[in-house]
Protein backbone atom coordinates (compact mmCIF):
# COMPACT_ATOMS: atom_id res chain seq x y z
CA MET A 1 4.77 14.24 -15.57
CA LYS A 2 3.43 15.90 -12.43
CA ARG A 3 0.00 15.29 -11.00
CA THR A 4 -1.74 17.02 -8.09
CA PHE A 5 -3.68 15.18 -5.39
CA THR A 6 -5.84 16.50 -2.57
CA ALA A 7 -4.96 15.28 0.91
CA THR A 8 -6.86 15.44 4.17
CA VAL A 9 -4.87 15.41 7.41
CA TRP A 10 -6.15 14.77 10.91
CA GLN A 11 -4.72 13.77 14.25
CA GLU A 12 -5.48 10.56 16.13
CA GLY A 13 -3.67 10.51 19.46
CA ASP A 14 0.04 11.09 18.79
CA TRP A 15 -0.28 10.32 15.06
CA TYR A 16 -1.22 12.48 12.10
CA ILE A 17 -3.07 10.64 9.33
CA ALA A 18 -2.88 11.86 5.72
CA GLN A 19 -5.20 10.46 3.05
CA ALA A 20 -5.32 11.17 -0.68
CA LEU A 21 -8.93 11.86 -1.62
CA GLU A 22 -8.54 10.76 -5.25
CA LEU A 23 -6.89 7.43 -4.38
CA ASP A 24 -7.36 4.73 -1.79
CA VAL A 25 -4.00 5.63 -0.20
CA ALA A 26 -3.23 6.87 3.30
CA SER A 27 -0.20 7.19 5.55
CA GLN A 28 0.75 8.47 8.98
CA GLY A 29 3.50 10.34 10.80
CA LEU A 30 4.32 11.96 14.12
CA SER A 31 3.85 15.41 12.56
CA GLU A 32 1.63 16.76 9.79
CA GLU A 33 4.70 17.26 7.58
CA GLU A 34 5.90 13.68 8.16
CA ALA A 35 2.43 12.28 7.41
CA LEU A 36 2.30 14.24 4.14
CA ALA A 37 5.84 13.16 3.17
CA ASN A 38 4.92 9.53 3.88
CA LEU A 39 1.71 9.96 1.87
CA ARG A 40 3.70 11.37 -1.05
CA GLU A 41 5.94 8.27 -0.99
CA ALA A 42 2.94 5.92 -0.66
CA ILE A 43 1.25 7.53 -3.69
CA GLU A 44 4.44 7.25 -5.75
CA LEU A 45 4.75 3.57 -4.86
CA SER A 46 1.09 2.84 -5.59
CA LEU A 47 1.37 4.41 -9.06
CA GLU A 48 4.55 2.56 -10.09
CA SER A 49 4.25 0.01 -12.85
CA PRO A 50 4.05 -3.49 -11.39
CA MET A 51 7.10 -5.70 -11.73
CA PRO A 52 6.61 -8.82 -13.84
CA VAL A 53 6.14 -11.92 -11.75
CA PRO A 54 7.11 -15.35 -13.07
CA GLU A 55 4.23 -17.75 -13.61
CA PRO A 56 3.95 -20.25 -10.74
CA LYS A 57 4.27 -23.94 -11.57
CA ILE A 58 1.17 -25.96 -10.84
CA ARG A 59 1.74 -29.59 -9.93
CA ARG A 60 -0.52 -32.41 -8.75
CA ILE A 61 0.55 -34.65 -5.92
CA GLU A 62 -1.01 -37.93 -4.86
CA ILE A 63 -1.22 -38.93 -1.21
CA GLU A 64 -2.52 -42.12 0.36
CA ILE A 65 -4.57 -41.28 3.42
CA GLY A 66 -4.83 -43.53 6.48
CA ALA A 67 -5.57 -47.04 5.18
CA ALA A 68 -5.97 -48.45 8.70
């Protein structure tokens, strides 16, 4: 499935910043083309299904503190 996003691109010093208007995703590059390519990759990564993460183990520990 293909989806289209709108990007704004501007220059800050030596860097070009590209931001997708529909998402909270931005990237940068040393050229406008590089910034857009990096934005494309960042959007793809942000829309990937999350990998399952194993449940952390919760343990209680008991510590004796300074009985002076």
